Amino acid sequence: MSNSQTFEDFYQVPDLSFDIKKLRADLETILKKSKYQTLGITNFHAIPMNRIPGDESSIQGHNVRGIYWTKPDETGKEVARDKPIDESKYTELTSDFKNTYFEEVYKVLSSKFKLGRVRILLKEPRSTLSWHKDPEPRLHIPIITNPGCKMVIEDVAKHMPADGKVWITNNTRYHNFFNGGEQNRIHIVACILENRFN
């Protein structure tokens, strides 16, 4: 991140939290009008919250997933998956989120951070992601989770509770996420281009 503040791999943002009951209530409203998209990854789904203004294709297909790097086999050789995205162009809240509590959350976050894509990500029960790294850190607000949900960055595992708090995770390092519970794990996840605290 382009700032003078140093972040740990898991950083809980001080003095910033949201009403988890309102998030959960409005999530139910969103799910009635918007369907999760599959990301070409088993048991992993997304609802885009923002887009490139006027560009419907920016919230479809590969643009929902974006580039990442992984080490898929025993050689340990790093390979790129998908394509780069210009995160800075994602500045317009999608219509399904307007007049919901998510719009308020988006406005507050946008005042404190320069955001790229913002998505609601769902990880199904008893499933995991690949070992991978992303181009930028990610902001998380857990909405539904359980003690069996852990994010692992390099050798450190952390559970982020659904209590309205905001986390930044260092996704530029190799990491993974697993849901070892028996319910879906749902987070707001935003690409962080820089913060505006300083």
N, C-alpha and C. Protein backbone atom coordinates (compact mmCIF):
# COMPACT_ATOMS: atom_id res chain seq x y z
N MET A 1 0.84 -1.18 0.00
CA MET A 1 0.00 0.00 0.00
C MET A 1 0.88 1.24 0.00
N SER A 2 0.43 2.22 -0.69
CA SER A 2 1.22 3.44 -0.78
C SER A 2 0.86 4.38 0.37
N ASN A 3 1.46 4.13 1.52
CA ASN A 3 1.27 5.00 2.67
C ASN A 3 2.42 4.78 3.64
N SER A 4 2.45 5.58 4.69
CA SER A 4 3.57 5.48 5.63
C SER A 4 3.26 4.52 6.78
N GLN A 5 2.05 4.00 6.83
CA GLN A 5 1.65 3.11 7.92
C GLN A 5 2.01 1.68 7.56
N THR A 6 2.56 0.93 8.51
CA THR A 6 2.89 -0.46 8.27
C THR A 6 1.75 -1.34 8.78
N PHE A 7 1.33 -2.28 7.95
CA PHE A 7 0.25 -3.17 8.33
C PHE A 7 0.80 -4.57 8.55
N GLU A 8 0.29 -5.24 9.56
CA GLU A 8 0.59 -6.64 9.75
C GLU A 8 -0.19 -7.44 8.71
N ASP A 9 0.04 -8.74 8.65
CA ASP A 9 -0.72 -9.57 7.70
C ASP A 9 -2.20 -9.56 8.02
N PHE A 10 -2.55 -9.49 9.30
CA PHE A 10 -3.94 -9.33 9.73
C PHE A 10 -3.99 -8.05 10.57
N TYR A 11 -4.77 -7.09 10.12
CA TYR A 11 -4.82 -5.79 10.79
C TYR A 11 -6.28 -5.42 11.01
N GLN A 12 -6.66 -5.27 12.28
CA GLN A 12 -8.01 -4.82 12.58
C GLN A 12 -7.99 -3.28 12.62
N VAL A 13 -8.81 -2.68 11.75
CA VAL A 13 -8.83 -1.22 11.64
C VAL A 13 -9.43 -0.64 12.91
N PRO A 14 -8.72 0.25 13.61
CA PRO A 14 -9.26 0.81 14.85
C PRO A 14 -10.39 1.80 14.59
N ASP A 15 -11.31 1.87 15.52
CA ASP A 15 -12.40 2.87 15.50
C ASP A 15 -13.23 2.84 14.22
N LEU A 16 -13.41 1.66 13.67
CA LEU A 16 -14.25 1.52 12.49
C LEU A 16 -15.02 0.21 12.59
N SER A 17 -16.33 0.30 12.68
CA SER A 17 -17.16 -0.91 12.72
C SER A 17 -18.55 -0.57 12.19
N PHE A 18 -19.28 -1.61 11.83
CA PHE A 18 -20.60 -1.46 11.24
C PHE A 18 -21.59 -2.35 11.97
N ASP A 19 -22.87 -2.09 11.76
CA ASP A 19 -23.94 -2.80 12.44
C ASP A 19 -24.17 -4.15 11.76
N ILE A 20 -23.75 -5.21 12.41
CA ILE A 20 -23.82 -6.54 11.81
C ILE A 20 -25.28 -6.98 11.58
N LYS A 21 -26.19 -6.55 12.45
CA LYS A 21 -27.60 -6.91 12.27
C LYS A 21 -28.17 -6.27 11.00
N LYS A 22 -27.80 -5.02 10.75
CA LYS A 22 -28.26 -4.35 9.53
C LYS A 22 -27.65 -4.99 8.29
N LEU A 23 -26.36 -5.36 8.38
CA LEU A 23 -25.72 -6.03 7.24
C LEU A 23 -26.43 -7.34 6.91
N ARG A 24 -26.72 -8.11 7.94
CA ARG A 24 -27.38 -9.41 7.71
C ARG A 24 -28.80 -9.23 7.17
N ALA A 25 -29.52 -8.25 7.70
CA ALA A 25 -30.89 -8.00 7.23
C ALA A 25 -30.89 -7.57 5.77
N ASP A 26 -29.99 -6.66 5.41
CA ASP A 26 -29.97 -6.18 4.04
C ASP A 26 -29.33 -7.20 3.09
N LEU A 27 -28.51 -8.10 3.61
CA LEU A 27 -28.02 -9.20 2.78
C LEU A 27 -29.20 -10.04 2.27
N GLU A 28 -30.16 -10.29 3.15
CA GLU A 28 -31.35 -11.04 2.74
C GLU A 28 -32.09 -10.31 1.62
N THR A 29 -32.17 -8.98 1.72
CA THR A 29 -32.81 -8.17 0.67
C THR A 29 -32.04 -8.29 -0.64
N ILE A 30 -30.71 -8.19 -0.57
CA ILE A 30 -29.87 -8.29 -1.76
C ILE A 30 -30.04 -9.65 -2.42
N LEU A 31 -30.07 -10.70 -1.63
CA LEU A 31 -30.15 -12.06 -2.19
C LEU A 31 -31.48 -12.32 -2.91
N LYS A 32 -32.50 -11.51 -2.61
CA LYS A 32 -33.78 -11.65 -3.31
C LYS A 32 -33.72 -11.06 -4.71
N LYS A 33 -32.79 -10.09 -4.94
CA LYS A 33 -32.73 -9.48 -6.27
C LYS A 33 -31.45 -9.79 -7.04
N SER A 34 -30.45 -10.30 -6.39
CA SER A 34 -29.16 -10.53 -7.04
C SER A 34 -28.68 -11.94 -6.73
N LYS A 35 -28.21 -12.63 -7.74
CA LYS A 35 -27.72 -14.01 -7.57
C LYS A 35 -26.20 -14.02 -7.49
N TYR A 36 -25.67 -14.93 -6.69
CA TYR A 36 -24.23 -15.12 -6.65
C TYR A 36 -23.75 -15.64 -8.00
N GLN A 37 -22.60 -15.13 -8.44
CA GLN A 37 -21.95 -15.65 -9.64
C GLN A 37 -20.91 -16.68 -9.21
N THR A 38 -20.79 -17.75 -9.99
CA THR A 38 -19.69 -18.67 -9.72
C THR A 38 -18.44 -18.07 -10.32
N LEU A 39 -17.30 -18.37 -9.74
CA LEU A 39 -16.05 -17.77 -10.16
C LEU A 39 -15.14 -18.76 -10.89
N GLY A 40 -15.71 -19.88 -11.34
CA GLY A 40 -14.87 -20.89 -11.96
C GLY A 40 -14.03 -21.63 -10.94
N ILE A 41 -14.34 -21.43 -9.67
CA ILE A 41 -13.63 -22.08 -8.57
C ILE A 41 -14.69 -22.82 -7.76
N THR A 42 -14.48 -24.08 -7.51
CA THR A 42 -15.46 -24.88 -6.81
C THR A 42 -15.80 -24.27 -5.45
N ASN A 43 -17.09 -24.19 -5.16
CA ASN A 43 -17.59 -23.76 -3.84
C ASN A 43 -17.28 -22.31 -3.48
N PHE A 44 -17.08 -21.44 -4.49
CA PHE A 44 -16.71 -20.05 -4.24
C PHE A 44 -17.55 -19.16 -5.15
N HIS A 45 -18.24 -18.16 -4.58
CA HIS A 45 -19.19 -17.35 -5.33
C HIS A 45 -19.08 -15.87 -4.94
N ALA A 46 -19.57 -14.99 -5.84
CA ALA A 46 -19.45 -13.55 -5.59
C ALA A 46 -20.67 -12.79 -6.09
N ILE A 47 -20.97 -11.69 -5.41
CA ILE A 47 -21.90 -10.67 -5.90
C ILE A 47 -21.10 -9.37 -5.94
N PRO A 48 -20.86 -8.81 -7.13
CA PRO A 48 -20.14 -7.54 -7.22
C PRO A 48 -20.97 -6.40 -6.62
N MET A 49 -20.33 -5.56 -5.81
CA MET A 49 -21.01 -4.41 -5.22
C MET A 49 -20.76 -3.14 -6.03
N ASN A 50 -19.64 -3.08 -6.75
CA ASN A 50 -19.36 -1.89 -7.54
C ASN A 50 -18.87 -2.29 -8.92
N ARG A 51 -18.83 -1.30 -9.81
CA ARG A 51 -18.46 -1.57 -11.19
C ARG A 51 -17.80 -0.34 -11.80
N ILE A 52 -17.27 -0.53 -12.99
CA ILE A 52 -16.81 0.61 -13.79
C ILE A 52 -18.07 1.33 -14.25
N PRO A 53 -18.18 2.64 -14.05
CA PRO A 53 -19.42 3.34 -14.40
C PRO A 53 -19.90 3.04 -15.82
N GLY A 54 -21.16 2.58 -15.90
CA GLY A 54 -21.80 2.30 -17.17
C GLY A 54 -21.34 1.04 -17.88
N ASP A 55 -20.45 0.27 -17.27
CA ASP A 55 -19.88 -0.91 -17.94
C ASP A 55 -20.37 -2.19 -17.26
N GLU A 56 -21.42 -2.76 -17.82
CA GLU A 56 -21.99 -3.99 -17.26
C GLU A 56 -21.01 -5.16 -17.32
N SER A 57 -20.12 -5.18 -18.32
CA SER A 57 -19.17 -6.29 -18.45
C SER A 57 -18.14 -6.30 -17.31
N SER A 58 -17.99 -5.16 -16.61
CA SER A 58 -17.01 -5.10 -15.52
C SER A 58 -17.44 -5.91 -14.30
N ILE A 59 -18.68 -6.38 -14.29
CA ILE A 59 -19.14 -7.21 -13.17
C ILE A 59 -19.57 -8.60 -13.65
N GLN A 60 -18.91 -9.04 -14.72
CA GLN A 60 -19.21 -10.36 -15.27
C GLN A 60 -17.92 -11.12 -15.55
N GLY A 61 -18.04 -12.45 -15.53
CA GLY A 61 -16.95 -13.33 -15.94
C GLY A 61 -15.64 -13.09 -15.21
N HIS A 62 -14.56 -13.00 -15.99
CA HIS A 62 -13.21 -12.87 -15.43
C HIS A 62 -13.04 -11.59 -14.62
N ASN A 63 -13.84 -10.57 -14.93
CA ASN A 63 -13.71 -9.31 -14.20
C ASN A 63 -14.16 -9.43 -12.74
N VAL A 64 -14.92 -10.43 -12.42
CA VAL A 64 -15.32 -10.64 -11.03
C VAL A 64 -14.19 -11.30 -10.25
N ARG A 65 -13.41 -12.13 -10.92
CA ARG A 65 -12.33 -12.87 -10.24
C ARG A 65 -11.02 -12.10 -10.23
N GLY A 66 -10.50 -11.72 -11.39
CA GLY A 66 -9.24 -10.98 -11.46
C GLY A 66 -8.01 -11.86 -11.33
N ILE A 67 -6.86 -11.25 -11.59
CA ILE A 67 -5.60 -11.99 -11.62
C ILE A 67 -5.16 -12.43 -10.23
N TYR A 68 -4.53 -13.58 -10.18
CA TYR A 68 -3.86 -14.05 -8.97
C TYR A 68 -2.76 -15.00 -9.39
N TRP A 69 -1.86 -15.32 -8.47
CA TRP A 69 -0.75 -16.22 -8.75
C TRP A 69 -0.84 -17.40 -7.80
N THR A 70 -0.46 -18.57 -8.31
CA THR A 70 -0.54 -19.78 -7.50
C THR A 70 0.63 -20.70 -7.84
N LYS A 71 0.84 -21.69 -6.97
CA LYS A 71 1.85 -22.73 -7.20
C LYS A 71 1.08 -24.05 -7.22
N PRO A 72 0.62 -24.46 -8.40
CA PRO A 72 -0.38 -25.52 -8.48
C PRO A 72 0.11 -26.96 -8.32
N ASP A 73 1.42 -27.17 -8.38
CA ASP A 73 1.87 -28.57 -8.33
C ASP A 73 3.18 -28.70 -7.57
N GLU A 74 3.73 -29.90 -7.59
CA GLU A 74 4.90 -30.21 -6.77
C GLU A 74 6.16 -29.46 -7.19
N THR A 75 6.19 -28.88 -8.39
CA THR A 75 7.38 -28.14 -8.82
C THR A 75 7.54 -26.84 -8.04
N GLY A 76 6.44 -26.32 -7.50
CA GLY A 76 6.49 -25.05 -6.78
C GLY A 76 6.63 -23.85 -7.70
N LYS A 77 6.51 -24.07 -9.01
CA LYS A 77 6.63 -22.98 -9.98
C LYS A 77 5.37 -22.11 -9.94
N GLU A 78 5.57 -20.80 -9.84
CA GLU A 78 4.46 -19.86 -9.78
C GLU A 78 3.88 -19.62 -11.17
N VAL A 79 2.56 -19.63 -11.25
CA VAL A 79 1.87 -19.33 -12.50
C VAL A 79 0.76 -18.31 -12.23
N ALA A 80 0.49 -17.50 -13.25
CA ALA A 80 -0.59 -16.50 -13.16
C ALA A 80 -1.87 -17.12 -13.65
N ARG A 81 -2.96 -16.76 -13.00
CA ARG A 81 -4.29 -17.18 -13.42
C ARG A 81 -5.12 -15.93 -13.71
N ASP A 82 -5.92 -16.01 -14.73
CA ASP A 82 -6.83 -14.94 -15.13
C ASP A 82 -6.08 -13.74 -15.65
N LYS A 83 -6.69 -12.55 -15.59
CA LYS A 83 -6.10 -11.37 -16.22
C LYS A 83 -6.10 -10.19 -15.27
N PRO A 84 -5.17 -9.24 -15.48
CA PRO A 84 -5.13 -8.05 -14.62
C PRO A 84 -6.39 -7.20 -14.81
N ILE A 85 -6.74 -6.48 -13.76
CA ILE A 85 -7.91 -5.59 -13.78
C ILE A 85 -7.46 -4.22 -13.29
N ASP A 86 -7.96 -3.17 -13.93
CA ASP A 86 -7.67 -1.82 -13.44
C ASP A 86 -8.66 -1.50 -12.32
N GLU A 87 -8.24 -1.82 -11.10
CA GLU A 87 -9.10 -1.68 -9.93
C GLU A 87 -9.57 -0.24 -9.72
N SER A 88 -8.77 0.72 -10.12
CA SER A 88 -9.09 2.13 -9.84
C SER A 88 -10.33 2.61 -10.59
N LYS A 89 -10.76 1.88 -11.61
CA LYS A 89 -11.93 2.29 -12.39
C LYS A 89 -13.26 1.87 -11.75
N TYR A 90 -13.20 1.03 -10.72
CA TYR A 90 -14.42 0.53 -10.07
C TYR A 90 -14.90 1.54 -9.04
N THR A 91 -15.77 2.45 -9.47
CA THR A 91 -16.16 3.57 -8.60
C THR A 91 -17.67 3.73 -8.44
N GLU A 92 -18.46 2.91 -9.11
CA GLU A 92 -19.92 3.07 -9.07
C GLU A 92 -20.58 1.90 -8.37
N LEU A 93 -21.35 2.20 -7.34
CA LEU A 93 -22.12 1.16 -6.64
C LEU A 93 -23.16 0.57 -7.59
N THR A 94 -23.30 -0.74 -7.61
CA THR A 94 -24.31 -1.35 -8.48
C THR A 94 -25.70 -1.07 -7.92
N SER A 95 -26.69 -1.08 -8.81
CA SER A 95 -28.04 -0.64 -8.44
C SER A 95 -28.67 -1.49 -7.34
N ASP A 96 -28.36 -2.79 -7.28
CA ASP A 96 -28.96 -3.66 -6.26
C ASP A 96 -28.61 -3.23 -4.84
N PHE A 97 -27.50 -2.51 -4.68
CA PHE A 97 -27.05 -2.13 -3.34
C PHE A 97 -27.49 -0.72 -2.94
N LYS A 98 -28.06 0.01 -3.88
CA LYS A 98 -28.50 1.37 -3.56
C LYS A 98 -29.68 1.33 -2.60
N ASN A 99 -29.72 2.30 -1.70
CA ASN A 99 -30.77 2.40 -0.68
C ASN A 99 -30.79 1.21 0.27
N THR A 100 -29.61 0.64 0.51
CA THR A 100 -29.46 -0.41 1.53
C THR A 100 -28.36 0.03 2.49
N TYR A 101 -28.20 -0.69 3.56
CA TYR A 101 -27.12 -0.39 4.51
C TYR A 101 -25.75 -0.57 3.85
N PHE A 102 -25.68 -1.44 2.84
CA PHE A 102 -24.42 -1.65 2.13
C PHE A 102 -23.94 -0.35 1.46
N GLU A 103 -24.87 0.47 1.01
CA GLU A 103 -24.49 1.76 0.39
C GLU A 103 -23.81 2.65 1.42
N GLU A 104 -24.35 2.69 2.63
CA GLU A 104 -23.73 3.48 3.70
C GLU A 104 -22.33 2.95 4.01
N VAL A 105 -22.20 1.63 4.12
CA VAL A 105 -20.89 1.02 4.38
C VAL A 105 -19.91 1.39 3.27
N TYR A 106 -20.36 1.29 2.03
CA TYR A 106 -19.51 1.60 0.87
C TYR A 106 -19.03 3.06 0.93
N LYS A 107 -19.91 3.98 1.26
CA LYS A 107 -19.55 5.40 1.34
C LYS A 107 -18.52 5.65 2.44
N VAL A 108 -18.72 5.03 3.59
CA VAL A 108 -17.76 5.21 4.69
C VAL A 108 -16.40 4.63 4.30
N LEU A 109 -16.39 3.43 3.77
CA LEU A 109 -15.12 2.81 3.37
C LEU A 109 -14.43 3.64 2.30
N SER A 110 -15.19 4.15 1.34
CA SER A 110 -14.61 4.96 0.25
C SER A 110 -14.02 6.27 0.76
N SER A 111 -14.51 6.75 1.89
CA SER A 111 -13.95 7.99 2.46
C SER A 111 -12.62 7.73 3.17
N LYS A 112 -12.37 6.49 3.54
CA LYS A 112 -11.16 6.15 4.30
C LYS A 112 -10.11 5.41 3.48
N PHE A 113 -10.54 4.76 2.40
CA PHE A 113 -9.65 3.97 1.56
C PHE A 113 -9.92 4.26 0.10
N LYS A 114 -8.89 4.14 -0.72
CA LYS A 114 -9.12 4.10 -2.16
C LYS A 114 -9.41 2.65 -2.50
N LEU A 115 -10.64 2.39 -2.91
CA LEU A 115 -11.09 1.02 -3.14
C LEU A 115 -11.00 0.65 -4.61
N GLY A 116 -10.77 -0.62 -4.86
CA GLY A 116 -10.97 -1.21 -6.17
C GLY A 116 -12.31 -1.93 -6.15
N ARG A 117 -12.31 -3.16 -6.65
CA ARG A 117 -13.55 -3.93 -6.65
C ARG A 117 -13.98 -4.25 -5.22
N VAL A 118 -15.28 -4.19 -5.00
CA VAL A 118 -15.87 -4.57 -3.72
C VAL A 118 -16.90 -5.65 -4.03
N ARG A 119 -16.79 -6.78 -3.34
CA ARG A 119 -17.67 -7.91 -3.63
C ARG A 119 -18.16 -8.53 -2.33
N ILE A 120 -19.31 -9.17 -2.40
CA ILE A 120 -19.72 -10.07 -1.33
C ILE A 120 -19.27 -11.45 -1.78
N LEU A 121 -18.40 -12.07 -0.99
CA LEU A 121 -17.85 -13.37 -1.34
C LEU A 121 -18.42 -14.45 -0.42
N LEU A 122 -18.81 -15.55 -1.02
CA LEU A 122 -19.37 -16.68 -0.28
C LEU A 122 -18.49 -17.90 -0.47
N LYS A 123 -18.09 -18.51 0.63
CA LYS A 123 -17.34 -19.77 0.61
C LYS A 123 -18.23 -20.82 1.24
N GLU A 124 -18.47 -21.87 0.48
CA GLU A 124 -19.36 -22.93 0.96
C GLU A 124 -18.72 -23.73 2.10
N PRO A 125 -19.55 -24.46 2.87
CA PRO A 125 -19.04 -25.26 3.98
C PRO A 125 -18.05 -26.33 3.51
N ARG A 126 -17.13 -26.67 4.41
CA ARG A 126 -16.17 -27.75 4.20
C ARG A 126 -15.42 -27.60 2.88
N SER A 127 -14.94 -26.38 2.61
CA SER A 127 -14.23 -26.14 1.36
C SER A 127 -13.09 -25.16 1.58
N THR A 128 -12.19 -25.11 0.59
CA THR A 128 -11.00 -24.26 0.70
C THR A 128 -10.69 -23.62 -0.64
N LEU A 129 -9.83 -22.60 -0.63
CA LEU A 129 -9.32 -21.98 -1.85
C LEU A 129 -7.94 -22.55 -2.16
N SER A 130 -7.40 -22.16 -3.31
CA SER A 130 -6.02 -22.55 -3.64
C SER A 130 -5.04 -21.70 -2.83
N TRP A 131 -3.81 -22.18 -2.74
CA TRP A 131 -2.71 -21.42 -2.15
C TRP A 131 -2.32 -20.40 -3.21
N HIS A 132 -2.52 -19.10 -2.91
CA HIS A 132 -2.33 -18.09 -3.96
C HIS A 132 -1.99 -16.74 -3.35
N LYS A 133 -1.64 -15.78 -4.21
CA LYS A 133 -1.44 -14.40 -3.78
C LYS A 133 -2.11 -13.48 -4.79
N ASP A 134 -2.49 -12.29 -4.30
CA ASP A 134 -3.21 -11.31 -5.09
C ASP A 134 -2.35 -10.06 -5.29
N PRO A 135 -2.76 -9.15 -6.20
CA PRO A 135 -1.95 -7.95 -6.44
C PRO A 135 -1.98 -6.92 -5.31
N GLU A 136 -3.01 -6.96 -4.46
CA GLU A 136 -3.15 -5.92 -3.44
C GLU A 136 -3.73 -6.49 -2.15
N PRO A 137 -3.61 -5.73 -1.04
CA PRO A 137 -4.26 -6.15 0.21
C PRO A 137 -5.77 -6.14 0.03
N ARG A 138 -6.46 -6.81 0.95
CA ARG A 138 -7.92 -6.88 0.90
C ARG A 138 -8.51 -6.45 2.24
N LEU A 139 -9.65 -5.78 2.15
CA LEU A 139 -10.41 -5.39 3.33
C LEU A 139 -11.54 -6.41 3.49
N HIS A 140 -11.76 -6.85 4.72
CA HIS A 140 -12.82 -7.82 5.02
C HIS A 140 -13.76 -7.28 6.07
N ILE A 141 -15.05 -7.47 5.84
CA ILE A 141 -16.05 -7.31 6.89
C ILE A 141 -16.84 -8.62 6.90
N PRO A 142 -16.57 -9.50 7.86
CA PRO A 142 -17.32 -10.75 7.93
C PRO A 142 -18.79 -10.48 8.28
N ILE A 143 -19.69 -11.11 7.52
CA ILE A 143 -21.13 -10.97 7.78
C ILE A 143 -21.67 -12.25 8.41
N ILE A 144 -21.30 -13.39 7.86
CA ILE A 144 -21.67 -14.69 8.42
C ILE A 144 -20.41 -15.54 8.43
N THR A 145 -20.11 -16.09 9.58
CA THR A 145 -18.92 -16.92 9.70
C THR A 145 -19.12 -17.91 10.84
N ASN A 146 -18.13 -18.73 11.09
CA ASN A 146 -18.18 -19.70 12.20
C ASN A 146 -16.75 -19.96 12.63
N PRO A 147 -16.54 -20.55 13.80
CA PRO A 147 -15.17 -20.74 14.30
C PRO A 147 -14.29 -21.60 13.39
N GLY A 148 -14.91 -22.38 12.51
CA GLY A 148 -14.15 -23.21 11.58
C GLY A 148 -13.67 -22.48 10.34
N CYS A 149 -13.99 -21.18 10.25
CA CYS A 149 -13.52 -20.36 9.12
C CYS A 149 -12.20 -19.71 9.52
N LYS A 150 -11.16 -19.99 8.76
CA LYS A 150 -9.85 -19.42 9.04
C LYS A 150 -9.21 -18.95 7.74
N MET A 151 -8.53 -17.83 7.83
CA MET A 151 -7.67 -17.39 6.74
C MET A 151 -6.25 -17.69 7.17
N VAL A 152 -5.45 -18.20 6.25
CA VAL A 152 -4.05 -18.52 6.53
C VAL A 152 -3.20 -17.66 5.61
N ILE A 153 -2.32 -16.84 6.20
CA ILE A 153 -1.34 -16.08 5.42
C ILE A 153 0.03 -16.63 5.80
N GLU A 154 0.70 -17.19 4.79
CA GLU A 154 1.96 -17.91 5.01
C GLU A 154 1.73 -18.96 6.10
N ASP A 155 2.28 -18.77 7.31
CA ASP A 155 2.14 -19.79 8.35
C ASP A 155 1.23 -19.38 9.50
N VAL A 156 0.47 -18.30 9.33
CA VAL A 156 -0.38 -17.80 10.42
C VAL A 156 -1.85 -17.94 10.03
N ALA A 157 -2.63 -18.58 10.91
CA ALA A 157 -4.07 -18.76 10.69
C ALA A 157 -4.83 -17.84 11.63
N LYS A 158 -5.92 -17.24 11.11
CA LYS A 158 -6.69 -16.30 11.92
C LYS A 158 -8.17 -16.43 11.58
N HIS A 159 -9.00 -16.41 12.61
CA HIS A 159 -10.45 -16.35 12.44
C HIS A 159 -10.87 -14.89 12.61
N MET A 160 -11.65 -14.38 11.67
CA MET A 160 -12.17 -13.02 11.77
C MET A 160 -13.66 -13.12 12.10
N PRO A 161 -14.07 -12.73 13.30
CA PRO A 161 -15.47 -12.90 13.70
C PRO A 161 -16.40 -11.91 13.00
N ALA A 162 -17.66 -12.28 12.91
CA ALA A 162 -18.69 -11.41 12.30
C ALA A 162 -19.27 -10.51 13.39
N ASP A 163 -18.52 -9.47 13.73
CA ASP A 163 -18.92 -8.56 14.80
C ASP A 163 -18.98 -7.11 14.32
N GLY A 164 -18.94 -6.91 13.00
CA GLY A 164 -19.00 -5.56 12.44
C GLY A 164 -17.65 -4.90 12.27
N LYS A 165 -16.59 -5.52 12.79
CA LYS A 165 -15.25 -4.94 12.70
C LYS A 165 -14.70 -5.10 11.28
N VAL A 166 -13.73 -4.24 10.96
CA VAL A 166 -13.11 -4.21 9.63
C VAL A 166 -11.67 -4.69 9.75
N TRP A 167 -11.29 -5.58 8.85
CA TRP A 167 -9.95 -6.15 8.82
C TRP A 167 -9.28 -5.83 7.49
N ILE A 168 -7.96 -5.68 7.51
CA ILE A 168 -7.17 -5.65 6.29
C ILE A 168 -6.24 -6.84 6.34
N THR A 169 -6.21 -7.60 5.26
CA THR A 169 -5.34 -8.78 5.18
C THR A 169 -4.31 -8.57 4.07
N ASN A 170 -3.10 -9.05 4.32
CA ASN A 170 -2.02 -8.87 3.35
C ASN A 170 -2.08 -9.99 2.31
N ASN A 171 -2.94 -9.82 1.33
CA ASN A 171 -3.13 -10.82 0.29
C ASN A 171 -2.02 -10.82 -0.75
N THR A 172 -1.04 -9.91 -0.60
CA THR A 172 0.10 -9.93 -1.52
C THR A 172 1.08 -11.04 -1.16
N ARG A 173 0.88 -11.66 0.00
CA ARG A 173 1.65 -12.84 0.40
C ARG A 173 0.80 -14.07 0.12
N TYR A 174 1.44 -15.22 0.05
CA TYR A 174 0.69 -16.45 -0.21
C TYR A 174 -0.27 -16.73 0.94
N HIS A 175 -1.50 -17.07 0.57
CA HIS A 175 -2.55 -17.26 1.58
C HIS A 175 -3.61 -18.23 1.05
N ASN A 176 -4.52 -18.55 1.93
CA ASN A 176 -5.59 -19.49 1.64
C ASN A 176 -6.73 -19.16 2.59
N PHE A 177 -7.88 -19.69 2.28
CA PHE A 177 -9.00 -19.54 3.19
C PHE A 177 -9.74 -20.85 3.22
N PHE A 178 -10.12 -21.30 4.40
CA PHE A 178 -10.96 -22.50 4.45
C PHE A 178 -12.15 -22.29 5.37
N ASN A 179 -13.24 -22.91 4.97
CA ASN A 179 -14.46 -22.92 5.77
C ASN A 179 -14.65 -24.34 6.26
N GLY A 180 -14.28 -24.58 7.50
CA GLY A 180 -14.42 -25.90 8.09
C GLY A 180 -15.74 -26.10 8.80
N GLY A 181 -16.63 -25.11 8.68
CA GLY A 181 -17.93 -25.21 9.33
C GLY A 181 -18.97 -25.86 8.44
N GLU A 182 -20.21 -25.77 8.87
CA GLU A 182 -21.32 -26.39 8.14
C GLU A 182 -22.34 -25.33 7.70
N GLN A 183 -21.88 -24.08 7.57
CA GLN A 183 -22.72 -23.01 7.03
C GLN A 183 -21.84 -22.19 6.09
N ASN A 184 -22.46 -21.43 5.21
CA ASN A 184 -21.71 -20.58 4.30
C ASN A 184 -20.95 -19.51 5.07
N ARG A 185 -19.79 -19.14 4.57
CA ARG A 185 -19.03 -18.01 5.09
C ARG A 185 -19.23 -16.87 4.11
N ILE A 186 -19.69 -15.71 4.58
CA ILE A 186 -19.98 -14.57 3.72
C ILE A 186 -19.28 -13.33 4.26
N HIS A 187 -18.43 -12.72 3.44
CA HIS A 187 -17.71 -11.50 3.80
C HIS A 187 -17.93 -10.44 2.73
N ILE A 188 -17.91 -9.16 3.12
CA ILE A 188 -17.63 -8.10 2.17
C ILE A 188 -16.11 -8.11 2.01
N VAL A 189 -15.63 -8.13 0.77
CA VAL A 189 -14.19 -8.10 0.51
C VAL A 189 -13.91 -7.02 -0.53
N ALA A 190 -13.01 -6.11 -0.18
CA ALA A 190 -12.67 -5.00 -1.07
C ALA A 190 -11.18 -5.00 -1.36
N CYS A 191 -10.81 -4.70 -2.58
CA CYS A 191 -9.41 -4.50 -2.94
C CYS A 191 -9.01 -3.10 -2.46
N ILE A 192 -7.90 -3.03 -1.73
CA ILE A 192 -7.44 -1.77 -1.14
C ILE A 192 -6.26 -1.25 -1.97
N LEU A 193 -6.43 -0.09 -2.58
CA LEU A 193 -5.38 0.50 -3.38
C LEU A 193 -4.51 1.43 -2.54
N GLU A 194 -5.12 2.12 -1.56
CA GLU A 194 -4.38 2.90 -0.56
C GLU A 194 -5.37 3.31 0.53
N ASN A 195 -4.85 3.65 1.71
CA ASN A 195 -5.78 4.13 2.74
C ASN A 195 -5.68 5.65 2.82
N ARG A 196 -6.67 6.25 3.47
CA ARG A 196 -6.71 7.70 3.58
C ARG A 196 -6.69 8.13 5.04
N PHE A 197 -6.09 7.28 5.90
CA PHE A 197 -6.02 7.64 7.32
C PHE A 197 -4.95 8.70 7.56
N ASN A 198 -3.93 8.73 6.73
CA ASN A 198 -2.78 9.63 7.00
C ASN A 198 -2.99 10.99 6.35
